Amino acid sequence: MENSKLIELLKTFTAKEWRECGEWVYADYFNKHEELKKLFDHLRKLAPRFHPKKIARENVYRALFPKKKYDEKHLNHLMSFLLKLVEQYISYAHYEQQPLRFNLHLLEAYSARGLDKHYKQILEQTKAKLLQYPHRNMDFYFLQHQLAEIENKHFLQQKIRKHDERLQIAADNFDLYYLTGKLKYF
């Protein structure tokens, strides 16, 4: 188990990440399997050192299921499922640190549900946050491009027959994103 992707990933966790990931693993919405909770708790006890003898496959299985015979396939499934849960947590934690991307997804969801009042409120918040963006870099222009694309989709859903400049804004911001990327690499 020592060189497994799961252990390698868990070795990088801070105390805060262990706590938050534990909340994720214990949330019934994400995980309904008690065995995964047991495996996570056992590995948390062995962290951060993960002594090789203590994380030997047989020893871990015996600690989790003292009355069962060692079953490599069962342990592999548990490790695989726990790895997926931990990866979901990491992905969400990274996503949560990017409130503008969160807002963009929320705008798409509100638009798809036809919640115009909600859409407009989040749109204004997002535009205000973009104005406060510290640098006019690749990320800024890509976010601007994505926002203009979402606005264009929303406009098309309204079935209003008039000129809309959002498509041109999306294209312009994509050009700026591309050019700032090229400049960055030069």
N, C-alpha and C. Protein backbone atom coordinates (compact mmCIF):
# COMPACT_ATOMS: atom_id res chain seq x y z
N MET A 1 0.82 -1.19 0.00
CA MET A 1 0.00 0.00 0.00
C MET A 1 0.86 1.26 0.00
N GLU A 2 2.12 1.10 0.37
CA GLU A 2 3.02 2.23 0.56
C GLU A 2 3.15 3.10 -0.70
N ASN A 3 3.24 2.49 -1.86
CA ASN A 3 3.43 3.25 -3.09
C ASN A 3 2.12 3.48 -3.85
N SER A 4 1.02 3.27 -3.19
CA SER A 4 -0.27 3.45 -3.86
C SER A 4 -0.54 4.94 -4.09
N LYS A 5 -1.35 5.22 -5.08
CA LYS A 5 -1.73 6.61 -5.36
C LYS A 5 -2.45 7.22 -4.17
N LEU A 6 -3.24 6.42 -3.49
CA LEU A 6 -3.99 6.92 -2.34
C LEU A 6 -3.04 7.41 -1.25
N ILE A 7 -2.08 6.61 -0.88
CA ILE A 7 -1.14 6.97 0.19
C ILE A 7 -0.28 8.15 -0.24
N GLU A 8 0.18 8.13 -1.48
CA GLU A 8 0.99 9.26 -1.97
C GLU A 8 0.22 10.57 -1.88
N LEU A 9 -1.05 10.52 -2.21
CA LEU A 9 -1.89 11.71 -2.14
C LEU A 9 -2.10 12.14 -0.69
N LEU A 10 -2.43 11.19 0.17
CA LEU A 10 -2.70 11.52 1.57
C LEU A 10 -1.46 12.05 2.29
N LYS A 11 -0.29 11.66 1.85
CA LYS A 11 0.95 12.17 2.45
C LYS A 11 1.09 13.68 2.28
N THR A 12 0.42 14.23 1.29
CA THR A 12 0.54 15.68 1.02
C THR A 12 -0.46 16.51 1.82
N PHE A 13 -1.36 15.87 2.55
CA PHE A 13 -2.44 16.59 3.25
C PHE A 13 -1.95 17.36 4.46
N THR A 14 -2.50 18.54 4.64
CA THR A 14 -2.30 19.32 5.85
C THR A 14 -3.34 18.87 6.87
N ALA A 15 -3.21 19.36 8.10
CA ALA A 15 -4.19 19.02 9.13
C ALA A 15 -5.58 19.50 8.73
N LYS A 16 -5.65 20.69 8.15
CA LYS A 16 -6.93 21.24 7.71
C LYS A 16 -7.55 20.36 6.62
N GLU A 17 -6.74 19.90 5.67
CA GLU A 17 -7.25 19.05 4.60
C GLU A 17 -7.73 17.70 5.14
N TRP A 18 -7.03 17.16 6.12
CA TRP A 18 -7.49 15.91 6.73
C TRP A 18 -8.87 16.11 7.34
N ARG A 19 -9.04 17.22 8.06
CA ARG A 19 -10.33 17.49 8.72
C ARG A 19 -11.44 17.66 7.68
N GLU A 20 -11.18 18.49 6.68
CA GLU A 20 -12.20 18.75 5.65
C GLU A 20 -12.50 17.50 4.82
N CYS A 21 -11.47 16.75 4.50
CA CYS A 21 -11.68 15.53 3.71
C CYS A 21 -12.46 14.51 4.54
N GLY A 22 -12.21 14.49 5.84
CA GLY A 22 -12.98 13.61 6.72
C GLY A 22 -14.45 13.97 6.70
N GLU A 23 -14.74 15.26 6.70
CA GLU A 23 -16.14 15.70 6.61
C GLU A 23 -16.74 15.27 5.28
N TRP A 24 -15.96 15.33 4.24
CA TRP A 24 -16.41 14.92 2.90
C TRP A 24 -16.72 13.42 2.89
N VAL A 25 -15.77 12.62 3.42
CA VAL A 25 -15.93 11.16 3.43
C VAL A 25 -17.13 10.75 4.29
N TYR A 26 -17.36 11.48 5.37
CA TYR A 26 -18.46 11.14 6.28
C TYR A 26 -19.82 11.69 5.83
N ALA A 27 -19.83 12.55 4.83
CA ALA A 27 -21.09 13.09 4.34
C ALA A 27 -21.83 12.02 3.54
N ASP A 28 -23.02 11.68 3.99
CA ASP A 28 -23.79 10.63 3.31
C ASP A 28 -24.09 10.98 1.86
N TYR A 29 -24.11 12.24 1.54
CA TYR A 29 -24.38 12.64 0.16
C TYR A 29 -23.29 12.13 -0.79
N PHE A 30 -22.05 12.11 -0.31
CA PHE A 30 -20.92 11.70 -1.15
C PHE A 30 -20.54 10.23 -0.95
N ASN A 31 -20.79 9.72 0.25
CA ASN A 31 -20.33 8.38 0.57
C ASN A 31 -21.33 7.68 1.49
N LYS A 32 -21.84 6.58 1.04
CA LYS A 32 -22.79 5.80 1.83
C LYS A 32 -22.17 4.50 2.35
N HIS A 33 -20.87 4.32 2.14
CA HIS A 33 -20.20 3.06 2.49
C HIS A 33 -19.40 3.20 3.79
N GLU A 34 -19.82 2.47 4.79
CA GLU A 34 -19.17 2.52 6.10
C GLU A 34 -17.72 2.03 6.02
N GLU A 35 -17.47 1.07 5.12
CA GLU A 35 -16.11 0.53 5.01
C GLU A 35 -15.11 1.60 4.57
N LEU A 36 -15.54 2.52 3.71
CA LEU A 36 -14.66 3.60 3.28
C LEU A 36 -14.36 4.55 4.44
N LYS A 37 -15.35 4.77 5.28
CA LYS A 37 -15.15 5.62 6.46
C LYS A 37 -14.13 4.96 7.40
N LYS A 38 -14.25 3.64 7.56
CA LYS A 38 -13.31 2.92 8.41
C LYS A 38 -11.89 2.99 7.85
N LEU A 39 -11.76 2.80 6.54
CA LEU A 39 -10.44 2.87 5.92
C LEU A 39 -9.85 4.26 6.07
N PHE A 40 -10.66 5.28 5.84
CA PHE A 40 -10.17 6.65 5.97
C PHE A 40 -9.70 6.91 7.41
N ASP A 41 -10.51 6.51 8.39
CA ASP A 41 -10.15 6.72 9.79
C ASP A 41 -8.85 6.00 10.14
N HIS A 42 -8.71 4.79 9.64
CA HIS A 42 -7.50 4.01 9.92
C HIS A 42 -6.27 4.71 9.32
N LEU A 43 -6.40 5.17 8.10
CA LEU A 43 -5.27 5.84 7.45
C LEU A 43 -4.95 7.18 8.13
N ARG A 44 -5.99 7.85 8.61
CA ARG A 44 -5.77 9.12 9.31
C ARG A 44 -4.94 8.89 10.58
N LYS A 45 -5.19 7.78 11.26
CA LYS A 45 -4.42 7.45 12.47
C LYS A 45 -2.95 7.21 12.14
N LEU A 46 -2.69 6.71 10.95
CA LEU A 46 -1.31 6.38 10.56
C LEU A 46 -0.57 7.57 9.95
N ALA A 47 -1.29 8.61 9.64
CA ALA A 47 -0.69 9.80 9.01
C ALA A 47 0.08 10.60 10.05
N PRO A 48 1.01 11.39 9.69
CA PRO A 48 1.53 11.65 8.35
C PRO A 48 2.66 10.72 7.93
N ARG A 49 3.16 9.90 8.87
CA ARG A 49 4.34 9.10 8.56
C ARG A 49 4.04 7.89 7.70
N PHE A 50 2.90 7.27 7.91
CA PHE A 50 2.53 6.06 7.17
C PHE A 50 3.67 5.03 7.19
N HIS A 51 3.99 4.57 8.39
CA HIS A 51 5.06 3.58 8.57
C HIS A 51 4.77 2.38 7.66
N PRO A 52 5.78 1.95 6.88
CA PRO A 52 5.56 0.87 5.90
C PRO A 52 4.92 -0.39 6.46
N LYS A 53 5.33 -0.82 7.67
CA LYS A 53 4.76 -2.05 8.23
C LYS A 53 3.29 -1.85 8.58
N LYS A 54 2.95 -0.67 9.06
CA LYS A 54 1.56 -0.42 9.47
C LYS A 54 0.62 -0.26 8.28
N ILE A 55 1.17 0.15 7.14
CA ILE A 55 0.30 0.29 5.96
C ILE A 55 0.46 -0.87 4.98
N ALA A 56 1.10 -1.94 5.44
CA ALA A 56 1.15 -3.15 4.62
C ALA A 56 -0.29 -3.61 4.39
N ARG A 57 -0.58 -4.07 3.22
CA ARG A 57 -1.95 -4.42 2.84
C ARG A 57 -2.62 -5.36 3.84
N GLU A 58 -1.93 -6.42 4.20
CA GLU A 58 -2.51 -7.40 5.11
C GLU A 58 -2.82 -6.78 6.47
N ASN A 59 -1.91 -5.93 6.95
CA ASN A 59 -2.11 -5.30 8.26
C ASN A 59 -3.28 -4.34 8.25
N VAL A 60 -3.42 -3.59 7.17
CA VAL A 60 -4.54 -2.66 7.06
C VAL A 60 -5.84 -3.44 7.00
N TYR A 61 -5.87 -4.49 6.21
CA TYR A 61 -7.10 -5.29 6.08
C TYR A 61 -7.47 -5.93 7.42
N ARG A 62 -6.47 -6.44 8.11
CA ARG A 62 -6.71 -7.07 9.41
C ARG A 62 -7.25 -6.03 10.42
N ALA A 63 -6.75 -4.81 10.36
CA ALA A 63 -7.23 -3.76 11.27
C ALA A 63 -8.68 -3.39 10.95
N LEU A 64 -9.04 -3.41 9.68
CA LEU A 64 -10.40 -3.06 9.29
C LEU A 64 -11.38 -4.20 9.51
N PHE A 65 -10.94 -5.41 9.20
CA PHE A 65 -11.82 -6.58 9.28
C PHE A 65 -11.11 -7.71 10.04
N PRO A 66 -11.07 -7.61 11.35
CA PRO A 66 -10.29 -8.58 12.14
C PRO A 66 -10.80 -10.02 12.01
N LYS A 67 -12.04 -10.23 11.68
CA LYS A 67 -12.60 -11.58 11.63
C LYS A 67 -12.64 -12.16 10.22
N LYS A 68 -12.21 -11.36 9.24
CA LYS A 68 -12.26 -11.83 7.86
C LYS A 68 -10.87 -12.24 7.37
N LYS A 69 -10.86 -13.15 6.42
CA LYS A 69 -9.62 -13.55 5.76
C LYS A 69 -9.21 -12.44 4.79
N TYR A 70 -7.91 -12.23 4.64
CA TYR A 70 -7.41 -11.18 3.75
C TYR A 70 -7.95 -11.38 2.34
N ASP A 71 -8.51 -10.30 1.79
CA ASP A 71 -9.09 -10.33 0.45
C ASP A 71 -8.53 -9.14 -0.33
N GLU A 72 -7.55 -9.44 -1.16
CA GLU A 72 -6.85 -8.39 -1.92
C GLU A 72 -7.80 -7.60 -2.82
N LYS A 73 -8.69 -8.31 -3.48
CA LYS A 73 -9.63 -7.66 -4.39
C LYS A 73 -10.53 -6.67 -3.63
N HIS A 74 -11.01 -7.06 -2.48
CA HIS A 74 -11.87 -6.20 -1.66
C HIS A 74 -11.10 -4.94 -1.23
N LEU A 75 -9.86 -5.13 -0.77
CA LEU A 75 -9.04 -4.00 -0.35
C LEU A 75 -8.76 -3.07 -1.54
N ASN A 76 -8.48 -3.63 -2.69
CA ASN A 76 -8.23 -2.80 -3.88
C ASN A 76 -9.46 -1.96 -4.23
N HIS A 77 -10.63 -2.55 -4.12
CA HIS A 77 -11.87 -1.80 -4.39
C HIS A 77 -12.03 -0.67 -3.39
N LEU A 78 -11.81 -0.96 -2.13
CA LEU A 78 -11.94 0.07 -1.09
C LEU A 78 -10.95 1.22 -1.35
N MET A 79 -9.72 0.87 -1.65
CA MET A 79 -8.70 1.89 -1.91
C MET A 79 -9.07 2.72 -3.13
N SER A 80 -9.55 2.06 -4.15
CA SER A 80 -9.94 2.76 -5.38
C SER A 80 -11.10 3.73 -5.12
N PHE A 81 -12.11 3.25 -4.40
CA PHE A 81 -13.26 4.12 -4.10
C PHE A 81 -12.87 5.27 -3.19
N LEU A 82 -12.00 4.99 -2.21
CA LEU A 82 -11.56 6.07 -1.32
C LEU A 82 -10.71 7.08 -2.09
N LEU A 83 -9.89 6.61 -3.00
CA LEU A 83 -9.09 7.53 -3.82
C LEU A 83 -10.02 8.46 -4.61
N LYS A 84 -11.07 7.91 -5.19
CA LYS A 84 -12.02 8.74 -5.95
C LYS A 84 -12.68 9.77 -5.04
N LEU A 85 -13.04 9.38 -3.84
CA LEU A 85 -13.65 10.32 -2.89
C LEU A 85 -12.68 11.45 -2.53
N VAL A 86 -11.44 11.07 -2.26
CA VAL A 86 -10.42 12.06 -1.90
C VAL A 86 -10.16 12.99 -3.08
N GLU A 87 -10.13 12.45 -4.28
CA GLU A 87 -9.94 13.29 -5.47
C GLU A 87 -11.10 14.25 -5.65
N GLN A 88 -12.31 13.78 -5.38
CA GLN A 88 -13.47 14.67 -5.45
C GLN A 88 -13.33 15.82 -4.46
N TYR A 89 -12.89 15.49 -3.25
CA TYR A 89 -12.69 16.53 -2.24
C TYR A 89 -11.66 17.55 -2.72
N ILE A 90 -10.52 17.08 -3.23
CA ILE A 90 -9.46 17.98 -3.68
C ILE A 90 -9.97 18.87 -4.80
N SER A 91 -10.68 18.28 -5.73
CA SER A 91 -11.24 19.05 -6.84
C SER A 91 -12.19 20.12 -6.34
N TYR A 92 -13.07 19.75 -5.43
CA TYR A 92 -14.02 20.72 -4.88
C TYR A 92 -13.30 21.81 -4.09
N ALA A 93 -12.31 21.44 -3.29
CA ALA A 93 -11.57 22.43 -2.50
C ALA A 93 -10.88 23.42 -3.42
N HIS A 94 -10.33 22.94 -4.52
CA HIS A 94 -9.68 23.82 -5.49
C HIS A 94 -10.72 24.73 -6.16
N TYR A 95 -11.82 24.15 -6.53
CA TYR A 95 -12.91 24.89 -7.17
C TYR A 95 -13.48 25.97 -6.25
N GLU A 96 -13.59 25.64 -4.97
CA GLU A 96 -14.14 26.56 -3.99
C GLU A 96 -13.25 27.80 -3.83
N GLN A 97 -11.98 27.67 -4.13
CA GLN A 97 -11.05 28.79 -4.03
C GLN A 97 -11.14 29.73 -5.23
N GLN A 98 -12.01 29.42 -6.17
CA GLN A 98 -12.16 30.23 -7.38
C GLN A 98 -13.61 30.69 -7.49
N PRO A 99 -13.98 31.71 -6.71
CA PRO A 99 -15.39 32.12 -6.67
C PRO A 99 -15.95 32.58 -8.01
N LEU A 100 -15.10 33.13 -8.87
CA LEU A 100 -15.61 33.56 -10.17
C LEU A 100 -16.04 32.37 -11.03
N ARG A 101 -15.29 31.30 -10.99
CA ARG A 101 -15.68 30.11 -11.75
C ARG A 101 -16.97 29.52 -11.18
N PHE A 102 -17.09 29.56 -9.86
CA PHE A 102 -18.32 29.12 -9.21
C PHE A 102 -19.50 29.93 -9.73
N ASN A 103 -19.33 31.25 -9.78
CA ASN A 103 -20.39 32.12 -10.27
C ASN A 103 -20.75 31.83 -11.73
N LEU A 104 -19.75 31.53 -12.54
CA LEU A 104 -20.02 31.23 -13.95
C LEU A 104 -20.90 29.97 -14.07
N HIS A 105 -20.59 28.97 -13.29
CA HIS A 105 -21.40 27.75 -13.32
C HIS A 105 -22.81 28.02 -12.79
N LEU A 106 -22.88 28.85 -11.77
CA LEU A 106 -24.19 29.19 -11.21
C LEU A 106 -25.01 29.98 -12.23
N LEU A 107 -24.37 30.87 -12.97
CA LEU A 107 -25.08 31.62 -14.01
C LEU A 107 -25.66 30.67 -15.06
N GLU A 108 -24.87 29.70 -15.47
CA GLU A 108 -25.36 28.73 -16.46
C GLU A 108 -26.55 27.96 -15.92
N ALA A 109 -26.47 27.56 -14.66
CA ALA A 109 -27.56 26.80 -14.05
C ALA A 109 -28.83 27.65 -13.94
N TYR A 110 -28.69 28.89 -13.51
CA TYR A 110 -29.86 29.77 -13.40
C TYR A 110 -30.46 30.05 -14.77
N SER A 111 -29.62 30.23 -15.76
CA SER A 111 -30.11 30.48 -17.10
C SER A 111 -30.88 29.27 -17.62
N ALA A 112 -30.31 28.08 -17.42
CA ALA A 112 -30.96 26.85 -17.88
C ALA A 112 -32.30 26.62 -17.18
N ARG A 113 -32.42 27.08 -15.96
CA ARG A 113 -33.67 26.89 -15.20
C ARG A 113 -34.65 28.04 -15.42
N GLY A 114 -34.23 29.03 -16.19
CA GLY A 114 -35.12 30.15 -16.47
C GLY A 114 -35.35 31.06 -15.27
N LEU A 115 -34.39 31.11 -14.36
CA LEU A 115 -34.50 31.96 -13.17
C LEU A 115 -33.82 33.30 -13.44
N ASP A 116 -34.54 34.16 -14.11
CA ASP A 116 -33.99 35.43 -14.57
C ASP A 116 -33.53 36.35 -13.44
N LYS A 117 -34.33 36.45 -12.40
CA LYS A 117 -33.99 37.34 -11.28
C LYS A 117 -32.68 36.86 -10.62
N HIS A 118 -32.57 35.57 -10.41
CA HIS A 118 -31.37 34.99 -9.82
C HIS A 118 -30.16 35.21 -10.74
N TYR A 119 -30.40 34.97 -12.02
CA TYR A 119 -29.35 35.13 -13.03
C TYR A 119 -28.79 36.55 -13.01
N LYS A 120 -29.68 37.53 -13.03
CA LYS A 120 -29.25 38.92 -13.09
C LYS A 120 -28.45 39.31 -11.85
N GLN A 121 -28.86 38.84 -10.69
CA GLN A 121 -28.15 39.17 -9.45
C GLN A 121 -26.72 38.61 -9.48
N ILE A 122 -26.58 37.35 -9.85
CA ILE A 122 -25.25 36.73 -9.91
C ILE A 122 -24.42 37.36 -11.03
N LEU A 123 -25.06 37.73 -12.12
CA LEU A 123 -24.35 38.39 -13.22
C LEU A 123 -23.73 39.70 -12.74
N GLU A 124 -24.48 40.49 -12.02
CA GLU A 124 -23.95 41.76 -11.50
C GLU A 124 -22.81 41.52 -10.51
N GLN A 125 -22.97 40.54 -9.65
CA GLN A 125 -21.90 40.21 -8.69
C GLN A 125 -20.63 39.78 -9.42
N THR A 126 -20.80 38.97 -10.44
CA THR A 126 -19.66 38.45 -11.20
C THR A 126 -18.95 39.58 -11.93
N LYS A 127 -19.71 40.46 -12.55
CA LYS A 127 -19.09 41.59 -13.25
C LYS A 127 -18.33 42.49 -12.28
N ALA A 128 -18.90 42.70 -11.10
CA ALA A 128 -18.23 43.52 -10.09
C ALA A 128 -16.92 42.87 -9.64
N LYS A 129 -16.95 41.55 -9.44
CA LYS A 129 -15.74 40.83 -9.04
C LYS A 129 -14.68 40.88 -10.13
N LEU A 130 -15.12 40.79 -11.38
CA LEU A 130 -14.16 40.85 -12.48
C LEU A 130 -13.50 42.22 -12.57
N LEU A 131 -14.24 43.27 -12.27
CA LEU A 131 -13.65 44.62 -12.27
C LEU A 131 -12.57 44.76 -11.21
N GLN A 132 -12.70 43.99 -10.13
CA GLN A 132 -11.71 44.04 -9.05
C GLN A 132 -10.54 43.08 -9.27
N TYR A 133 -10.58 42.36 -10.38
CA TYR A 133 -9.53 41.38 -10.66
C TYR A 133 -8.19 42.10 -10.70
N PRO A 134 -7.17 41.57 -10.00
CA PRO A 134 -5.92 42.32 -9.85
C PRO A 134 -5.10 42.50 -11.13
N HIS A 135 -5.16 41.54 -12.05
CA HIS A 135 -4.32 41.61 -13.25
C HIS A 135 -5.15 41.34 -14.50
N ARG A 136 -4.78 42.00 -15.56
CA ARG A 136 -5.41 41.74 -16.85
C ARG A 136 -4.53 40.71 -17.57
N ASN A 137 -4.65 39.47 -17.11
CA ASN A 137 -3.82 38.39 -17.62
C ASN A 137 -4.68 37.36 -18.36
N MET A 138 -4.07 36.22 -18.68
CA MET A 138 -4.78 35.17 -19.40
C MET A 138 -6.07 34.75 -18.68
N ASP A 139 -5.95 34.55 -17.38
CA ASP A 139 -7.09 34.10 -16.59
C ASP A 139 -8.22 35.12 -16.65
N PHE A 140 -7.88 36.39 -16.52
CA PHE A 140 -8.89 37.45 -16.56
C PHE A 140 -9.64 37.43 -17.89
N TYR A 141 -8.90 37.38 -18.99
CA TYR A 141 -9.56 37.42 -20.30
C TYR A 141 -10.34 36.13 -20.60
N PHE A 142 -9.86 35.01 -20.07
CA PHE A 142 -10.61 33.78 -20.27
C PHE A 142 -11.93 33.83 -19.50
N LEU A 143 -11.89 34.35 -18.27
CA LEU A 143 -13.12 34.50 -17.49
C LEU A 143 -14.08 35.47 -18.18
N GLN A 144 -13.55 36.55 -18.73
CA GLN A 144 -14.37 37.51 -19.46
C GLN A 144 -15.02 36.83 -20.67
N HIS A 145 -14.23 36.04 -21.36
CA HIS A 145 -14.73 35.30 -22.53
C HIS A 145 -15.86 34.34 -22.12
N GLN A 146 -15.62 33.58 -21.04
CA GLN A 146 -16.65 32.64 -20.58
C GLN A 146 -17.92 33.37 -20.17
N LEU A 147 -17.77 34.49 -19.48
CA LEU A 147 -18.93 35.26 -19.05
C LEU A 147 -19.72 35.76 -20.26
N ALA A 148 -19.02 36.27 -21.26
CA ALA A 148 -19.70 36.76 -22.47
C ALA A 148 -20.41 35.62 -23.20
N GLU A 149 -19.80 34.43 -23.21
CA GLU A 149 -20.45 33.27 -23.83
C GLU A 149 -21.73 32.89 -23.09
N ILE A 150 -21.67 32.91 -21.78
CA ILE A 150 -22.86 32.58 -20.97
C ILE A 150 -23.94 33.62 -21.21
N GLU A 151 -23.54 34.90 -21.25
CA GLU A 151 -24.52 35.95 -21.51
C GLU A 151 -25.14 35.77 -22.89
N ASN A 152 -24.34 35.39 -23.87
CA ASN A 152 -24.86 35.19 -25.22
C ASN A 152 -25.87 34.03 -25.24
N LYS A 153 -25.53 32.91 -24.59
CA LYS A 153 -26.46 31.78 -24.52
C LYS A 153 -27.77 32.20 -23.85
N HIS A 154 -27.64 32.95 -22.78
CA HIS A 154 -28.83 33.41 -22.06
C HIS A 154 -29.68 34.32 -22.95
N PHE A 155 -29.02 35.20 -23.67
CA PHE A 155 -29.72 36.10 -24.59
C PHE A 155 -30.47 35.30 -25.65
N LEU A 156 -29.82 34.28 -26.21
CA LEU A 156 -30.46 33.46 -27.24
C LEU A 156 -31.67 32.71 -26.69
N GLN A 157 -31.60 32.31 -25.43
CA GLN A 157 -32.72 31.60 -24.82
C GLN A 157 -33.94 32.52 -24.66
N GLN A 158 -33.68 33.82 -24.57
CA GLN A 158 -34.78 34.77 -24.39
C GLN A 158 -35.60 34.94 -25.68
N LYS A 159 -35.00 34.52 -26.81
CA LYS A 159 -35.66 34.63 -28.13
C LYS A 159 -36.08 36.06 -28.45
N ILE A 160 -35.17 36.97 -28.10
CA ILE A 160 -35.40 38.39 -28.41
C ILE A 160 -34.72 38.66 -29.75
N ARG A 161 -35.45 39.31 -30.63
CA ARG A 161 -34.90 39.58 -31.97
C ARG A 161 -34.35 41.00 -32.01
N LYS A 162 -33.09 41.12 -31.61
CA LYS A 162 -32.39 42.39 -31.74
C LYS A 162 -30.90 42.09 -31.71
N HIS A 163 -30.13 43.09 -32.08
CA HIS A 163 -28.68 42.93 -32.12
C HIS A 163 -28.13 42.74 -30.71
N ASP A 164 -27.18 41.83 -30.58
CA ASP A 164 -26.54 41.59 -29.29
C ASP A 164 -25.03 41.58 -29.50
N GLU A 165 -24.34 42.42 -28.76
CA GLU A 165 -22.90 42.55 -28.92
C GLU A 165 -22.11 41.50 -28.12
N ARG A 166 -22.79 40.66 -27.35
CA ARG A 166 -22.09 39.71 -26.47
C ARG A 166 -21.24 38.70 -27.23
N LEU A 167 -21.68 38.30 -28.40
CA LEU A 167 -20.90 37.36 -29.20
C LEU A 167 -19.57 37.98 -29.61
N GLN A 168 -19.61 39.24 -30.01
CA GLN A 168 -18.38 39.94 -30.38
C GLN A 168 -17.48 40.12 -29.15
N ILE A 169 -18.08 40.42 -28.00
CA ILE A 169 -17.31 40.57 -26.76
C ILE A 169 -16.64 39.24 -26.40
N ALA A 170 -17.36 38.15 -26.56
CA ALA A 170 -16.79 36.82 -26.28
C ALA A 170 -15.60 36.56 -27.20
N ALA A 171 -15.75 36.87 -28.48
CA ALA A 171 -14.67 36.65 -29.45
C ALA A 171 -13.47 37.55 -29.13
N ASP A 172 -13.73 38.80 -28.81
CA ASP A 172 -12.64 39.73 -28.48
C ASP A 172 -11.87 39.27 -27.25
N ASN A 173 -12.59 38.84 -26.23
CA ASN A 173 -11.92 38.38 -25.02
C ASN A 173 -11.17 37.08 -25.25
N PHE A 174 -11.68 36.25 -26.15
CA PHE A 174 -10.95 35.03 -26.48
C PHE A 174 -9.64 35.39 -27.19
N ASP A 175 -9.70 36.37 -28.08
CA ASP A 175 -8.48 36.84 -28.76
C ASP A 175 -7.47 37.38 -27.74
N LEU A 176 -7.95 38.18 -26.78
CA LEU A 176 -7.06 38.72 -25.76
C LEU A 176 -6.48 37.62 -24.88
N TYR A 177 -7.29 36.63 -24.57
CA TYR A 177 -6.81 35.47 -23.80
C TYR A 177 -5.69 34.78 -24.57
N TYR A 178 -5.93 34.53 -25.84
CA TYR A 178 -4.95 33.86 -26.67
C TYR A 178 -3.66 34.67 -26.78
N LEU A 179 -3.79 35.96 -27.02
CA LEU A 179 -2.61 36.81 -27.18
C LEU A 179 -1.82 36.96 -25.88
N THR A 180 -2.50 37.11 -24.76
CA THR A 180 -1.77 37.19 -23.48
C THR A 180 -1.07 35.87 -23.18
N GLY A 181 -1.68 34.76 -23.59
CA GLY A 181 -1.03 33.46 -23.44
C GLY A 181 0.21 33.36 -24.28
N LYS A 182 0.12 33.82 -25.52
CA LYS A 182 1.28 33.81 -26.41
C LYS A 182 2.40 34.67 -25.83
N LEU A 183 2.05 35.86 -25.34
CA LEU A 183 3.05 36.75 -24.74
C LEU A 183 3.68 36.11 -23.51
N LYS A 184 2.90 35.43 -22.74
CA LYS A 184 3.42 34.77 -21.54
C LYS A 184 4.48 33.72 -21.92
N TYR A 185 4.23 32.98 -22.98
CA TYR A 185 5.15 31.92 -23.37
C TYR A 185 6.40 32.47 -24.07
N PHE A 186 6.31 33.67 -24.62
CA PHE A 186 7.49 34.28 -25.23
C PHE A 186 8.34 34.88 -24.15
